[in-house]
Amino acid sequence: GCGGVVLVLMLVILAWHGIHYFNYTRKCQLQGGSLPPWEDPAIFQINVEPPHAQMLAFDSEELALESVGKGSAPPKASSRHKSLDGQWLFHWSPMPEKKPEDFYKLSYNDSISNWRNITVPSNWEMQGFGTPIYVNVRYPFPNRSPCIDHSDNPVGSYRLWFDIFDAGWFSPQHVAFIHFGAVSSAFHVWLNGEYLGYSEDSKSPAEFRLYDVLTFGRNLLAVEVYRWSDGSYLEDQDMWRLSGIQRSVYLFLRPLVYIR
């Protein structure tokens, strides 16, 4: 009957998609030897905290009410929030194979001439790196899902030194996180040379728990951003294609027990 025909058609379609995925995955692997996260549909995040309502902690109820009453932006008034927005060091590479290696290490020399200052948050194309692209219904790159053309996938490498001299950030009763409001389209992140994780999803926040990686005094944050990823196939719509750390980055502190 009709039900049997529909079932057979569904099985044929699923089988075709399976073969299609297997073949293209093999092509991706042949490009780079092993499948990187930004081409692997099975990986869209590593060590990312579960999503939650955006809330900010204060040292006391009185300080929270005072901040709201003054009409100021609460993050600027809380000792449990530290903005990392501003000028970062930046290196732009036209393809992954030309990105700087080991740039996330404390010993890396970022004073060489091909590192520049860039404003965070921003789109690197609007800061003089690469080309902004506008298309409507077609992809701005070769459609070989889930593969990305390695010869045309710019990588932005970011470094930021920042200081923490408030002992409250290291209280055993609290835990520190880092928040990325939006990064397009995929990125790895390190703190003080230690790998924190990976995320795809250009318009959603990504947060990582810092555990004991954050140190009293000077810290180094390093971020590696890929313009295109396998997630870009799901983000194709009528819009400008722009890349980089596009929304605010900040640290925040929470008690060990908190409302998510």
Protein backbone atom coordinates (compact mmCIF):
# COMPACT_ATOMS: atom_id res chain seq x y z
CA GLY A 1 0.00 0.00 0.00
CA CYS A 2 0.86 3.70 0.14
CA GLY A 3 2.44 3.31 3.57
CA GLY A 4 4.90 0.72 2.27
CA VAL A 5 5.85 2.90 -0.70
CA VAL A 6 6.46 5.90 1.57
CA LEU A 7 8.61 3.78 3.89
CA VAL A 8 10.71 2.50 0.99
CA LEU A 9 11.20 6.05 -0.30
CA MET A 10 12.26 7.22 3.15
CA LEU A 11 14.78 4.40 3.42
CA VAL A 12 16.17 5.21 -0.03
CA ILE A 13 16.54 8.90 0.91
CA LEU A 14 18.25 8.04 4.21
CA ALA A 15 20.60 5.65 2.43
CA TRP A 16 21.46 8.31 -0.16
CA HIS A 17 22.21 10.86 2.54
CA GLY A 18 24.36 8.31 4.36
CA ILE A 19 26.40 7.58 1.22
CA HIS A 20 26.59 11.31 0.44
CA TYR A 21 27.88 12.10 3.95
CA PHE A 22 30.40 9.24 3.89
CA ASN A 23 31.81 10.25 0.51
CA TYR A 24 32.19 13.93 1.39
CA THR A 25 33.62 13.12 4.80
CA ARG A 26 36.28 11.06 3.06
CA LYS A 27 37.05 14.04 0.82
CA CYS A 28 37.38 16.28 3.88
CA GLN A 29 39.80 13.85 5.47
CA LEU A 30 41.84 13.64 2.28
CA GLN A 31 42.27 17.41 2.36
CA GLY A 32 43.78 17.65 5.81
CA GLY A 33 44.77 14.13 6.85
CA SER A 34 42.36 14.09 9.79
CA LEU A 35 38.98 15.68 10.18
CA PRO A 36 39.26 18.96 12.17
CA PRO A 37 36.33 20.01 14.39
CA TRP A 38 35.33 22.75 11.95
CA GLU A 39 34.64 20.06 9.30
CA ASP A 40 33.27 17.35 11.56
CA PRO A 41 29.43 17.35 11.82
CA ALA A 42 29.70 15.22 14.97
CA ILE A 43 31.52 18.05 16.79
CA PHE A 44 29.94 21.45 17.31
CA GLN A 45 31.24 22.19 20.79
CA ILE A 46 33.87 21.06 23.29
CA ASN A 47 33.61 21.97 26.99
CA VAL A 48 30.91 24.59 26.38
CA GLU A 49 28.65 25.30 29.36
CA PRO A 50 24.90 24.57 28.95
CA PRO A 51 22.87 27.62 27.84
CA HIS A 52 21.10 29.66 30.50
CA ALA A 53 19.38 32.95 31.20
CA GLN A 54 21.81 35.85 31.34
CA MET A 55 22.28 36.93 34.96
CA LEU A 56 24.95 38.83 36.87
CA ALA A 57 26.03 38.30 40.46
CA PHE A 58 26.74 41.12 42.93
CA ASP A 59 28.47 41.06 46.27
CA SER A 60 25.23 42.01 48.00
CA GLU A 61 21.56 42.74 47.36
CA GLU A 62 22.17 46.38 48.25
CA LEU A 63 24.84 46.80 45.54
CA ALA A 64 22.61 45.15 42.94
CA LEU A 65 19.65 47.41 43.78
CA GLU A 66 21.93 50.45 43.86
CA SER A 67 23.30 49.68 40.41
CA VAL A 68 19.85 49.18 38.90
CA GLY A 69 18.54 52.28 40.65
CA LYS A 70 21.28 54.43 39.17
CA GLY A 71 20.41 53.18 35.70
CA SER A 72 24.01 52.20 34.99
CA ALA A 73 24.95 49.03 33.13
CA PRO A 74 25.18 46.38 35.89
CA PRO A 75 28.35 44.72 34.50
CA LYS A 76 30.31 47.94 35.12
CA ALA A 77 29.21 48.05 38.74
CA SER A 78 29.85 44.45 39.78
CA SER A 79 33.18 43.21 41.12
CA ARG A 80 32.20 39.79 39.76
CA HIS A 81 32.36 40.93 36.14
CA LYS A 82 35.42 41.88 34.09
CA SER A 83 35.08 43.11 30.52
CA LEU A 84 37.74 42.02 28.04
CA ASP A 85 36.50 44.28 25.25
CA GLY A 86 39.02 46.65 23.73
CA GLN A 87 42.26 46.35 21.77
CA TRP A 88 43.59 42.83 21.16
CA LEU A 89 46.54 41.60 19.13
CA PHE A 90 45.45 39.99 15.85
CA HIS A 91 46.91 37.92 13.03
CA TRP A 92 44.97 37.21 9.83
CA SER A 93 45.76 34.14 7.71
CA PRO A 94 44.15 33.40 4.30
CA MET A 95 43.90 29.66 5.05
CA PRO A 96 44.32 27.25 7.98
CA GLU A 97 47.63 25.91 6.69
CA LYS A 98 49.17 29.40 7.06
CA LYS A 99 47.90 30.22 10.56
CA PRO A 100 50.53 30.77 13.27
CA GLU A 101 51.26 27.65 15.28
CA ASP A 102 51.69 27.73 19.05
CA PHE A 103 50.43 31.33 19.18
CA TYR A 104 48.44 30.44 22.31
CA LYS A 105 51.58 29.67 24.32
CA LEU A 106 52.93 32.10 26.90
CA SER A 107 56.35 31.97 25.24
CA TYR A 108 55.10 32.96 21.76
CA ASN A 109 56.55 36.19 20.36
CA ASP A 110 53.64 38.36 19.16
CA SER A 111 55.81 41.43 18.60
CA ILE A 112 56.70 40.36 15.06
CA SER A 113 55.47 42.57 12.24
CA ASN A 114 52.49 40.53 10.99
CA TRP A 115 50.52 41.02 14.23
CA ARG A 116 48.25 44.07 14.43
CA ASN A 117 45.83 45.63 16.88
CA ILE A 118 42.12 44.97 16.40
CA THR A 119 39.03 46.12 18.27
CA VAL A 120 36.97 43.47 20.06
CA PRO A 121 34.10 43.14 19.43
CA SER A 122 34.20 43.75 15.67
CA ASN A 123 34.14 42.04 12.30
CA TRP A 124 37.66 41.67 10.98
CA GLU A 125 36.54 42.49 7.42
CA MET A 126 35.48 45.93 8.68
CA GLN A 127 38.93 46.37 10.28
CA GLY A 128 40.82 45.90 7.01
CA PHE A 129 41.30 42.11 7.01
CA GLY A 130 39.71 40.01 4.25
CA THR A 131 36.60 40.76 2.23
CA PRO A 132 32.95 41.13 3.34
CA ILE A 133 30.61 38.97 1.26
CA TYR A 134 26.92 39.36 0.55
CA VAL A 135 24.89 36.62 -1.08
CA ASN A 136 21.23 35.67 -0.79
CA VAL A 137 20.25 32.07 -1.55
CA ARG A 138 23.55 30.48 -2.54
CA TYR A 139 26.54 29.58 -0.40
CA PRO A 140 29.55 31.94 -0.43
CA PHE A 141 31.86 28.91 -0.72
CA PRO A 142 31.90 25.63 -2.72
CA ASN A 143 28.94 23.47 -1.68
CA ARG A 144 30.57 20.19 -0.65
CA SER A 145 28.92 19.65 2.72
CA PRO A 146 30.32 19.14 5.27
CA CYS A 147 33.69 20.05 3.74
CA ILE A 148 35.18 23.52 3.69
CA ASP A 149 37.67 24.61 1.04
CA HIS A 150 41.02 24.72 2.86
CA SER A 151 42.47 27.11 0.28
CA ASP A 152 39.89 29.80 1.11
CA ASN A 153 39.02 29.67 4.79
CA PRO A 154 40.62 32.64 6.58
CA VAL A 155 41.69 32.22 10.19
CA GLY A 156 41.91 35.00 12.74
CA SER A 157 44.29 34.48 15.68
CA TYR A 158 43.69 36.70 18.71
CA ARG A 159 45.83 37.33 21.80
CA LEU A 160 45.01 39.42 24.86
CA TRP A 161 47.00 39.97 28.04
CA PHE A 162 44.91 41.03 31.03
CA ASP A 163 45.41 41.34 34.78
CA ILE A 164 43.46 39.99 37.76
CA PHE A 165 44.53 41.41 41.12
CA ASP A 166 41.29 40.84 43.04
CA ALA A 167 41.67 37.86 45.38
CA GLY A 168 37.90 37.38 45.31
CA TRP A 169 38.24 35.77 41.88
CA PHE A 170 40.12 32.88 43.47
CA SER A 171 37.81 32.15 46.40
CA PRO A 172 37.12 28.41 46.86
CA GLN A 173 33.45 29.37 47.25
CA HIS A 174 33.21 30.71 43.69
CA VAL A 175 33.85 29.57 40.12
CA ALA A 176 34.97 31.74 37.19
CA PHE A 177 33.72 31.58 33.60
CA ILE A 178 34.50 33.31 30.32
CA HIS A 179 31.67 34.48 28.06
CA PHE A 180 31.82 35.02 24.27
CA GLY A 181 28.65 36.77 23.08
CA ALA A 182 29.09 35.69 19.45
CA VAL A 183 31.96 34.43 17.30
CA SER A 184 31.67 33.71 13.56
CA SER A 185 31.81 30.99 12.67
CA ALA A 186 33.87 28.61 14.83
CA PHE A 187 36.64 29.03 17.37
CA HIS A 188 39.10 27.40 19.75
CA VAL A 189 40.08 29.15 22.98
CA TRP A 190 43.06 28.86 25.37
CA LEU A 191 43.90 30.56 28.66
CA ASN A 192 47.51 30.72 29.81
CA GLY A 193 48.41 28.05 27.29
CA GLU A 194 45.74 25.63 28.52
CA TYR A 195 43.03 24.52 26.10
CA LEU A 196 39.52 25.53 27.22
CA GLY A 197 37.36 24.31 24.34
CA TYR A 198 35.69 24.86 20.99
CA SER A 199 32.37 26.22 19.75
CA GLU A 200 30.35 26.68 16.56
CA ASP A 201 27.18 28.82 16.28
CA SER A 202 27.79 32.34 15.03
CA LYS A 203 25.00 34.13 16.89
CA SER A 204 24.76 32.26 20.20
CA PRO A 205 26.88 32.83 23.32
CA ALA A 206 29.53 30.31 24.32
CA GLU A 207 30.84 30.04 27.87
CA PHE A 208 33.71 28.04 29.33
CA ARG A 209 34.51 27.21 32.95
CA LEU A 210 38.01 28.37 33.90
CA TYR A 211 38.65 25.96 36.79
CA ASP A 212 42.16 26.71 38.13
CA VAL A 213 43.58 28.04 34.85
CA LEU A 214 42.97 31.69 35.77
CA THR A 215 45.91 33.09 37.76
CA PHE A 216 46.45 36.03 40.09
CA GLY A 217 48.26 38.73 38.12
CA ARG A 218 48.85 38.51 34.38
CA ASN A 219 46.88 36.15 32.13
CA LEU A 220 46.98 35.36 28.41
CA LEU A 221 43.79 34.68 26.45
CA ALA A 222 44.16 33.22 22.93
CA VAL A 223 41.37 32.63 20.44
CA GLU A 224 41.54 30.99 16.99
CA VAL A 225 38.56 31.86 14.74
CA TYR A 226 37.65 30.18 11.44
CA ARG A 227 35.61 32.12 8.93
CA TRP A 228 33.84 29.01 7.63
CA SER A 229 32.93 25.71 9.29
CA ASP A 230 30.55 22.84 8.65
CA GLY A 231 28.10 24.88 10.74
CA SER A 232 28.17 27.56 8.05
CA TYR A 233 26.01 25.27 5.89
CA LEU A 234 23.22 25.73 8.46
CA GLU A 235 23.68 29.51 8.68
CA ASP A 236 23.11 30.32 5.01
CA GLN A 237 20.60 33.14 4.69
CA ASP A 238 20.10 36.61 3.27
CA MET A 239 22.84 38.47 5.17
CA TRP A 240 26.36 39.84 5.05
CA ARG A 241 29.03 37.22 5.73
CA LEU A 242 31.34 38.77 8.31
CA SER A 243 33.82 37.12 10.64
CA GLY A 244 35.49 37.45 14.01
CA ILE A 245 34.63 38.04 17.67
CA GLN A 246 31.42 39.94 17.03
CA ARG A 247 30.01 40.50 20.52
CA SER A 248 31.42 41.24 23.96
CA VAL A 249 33.86 39.00 25.81
CA TYR A 250 33.95 39.05 29.60
CA LEU A 251 34.78 37.06 32.71
CA PHE A 252 32.18 36.50 35.39
CA LEU A 253 32.14 34.92 38.81
CA ARG A 254 29.45 32.76 40.42
CA PRO A 255 29.02 30.92 43.72
CA LEU A 256 29.53 27.17 43.60
CA VAL A 257 25.75 26.80 43.88
CA TYR A 258 23.79 29.10 41.58
CA ILE A 259 20.61 29.37 39.52
CA ARG A 260 21.12 28.56 35.87
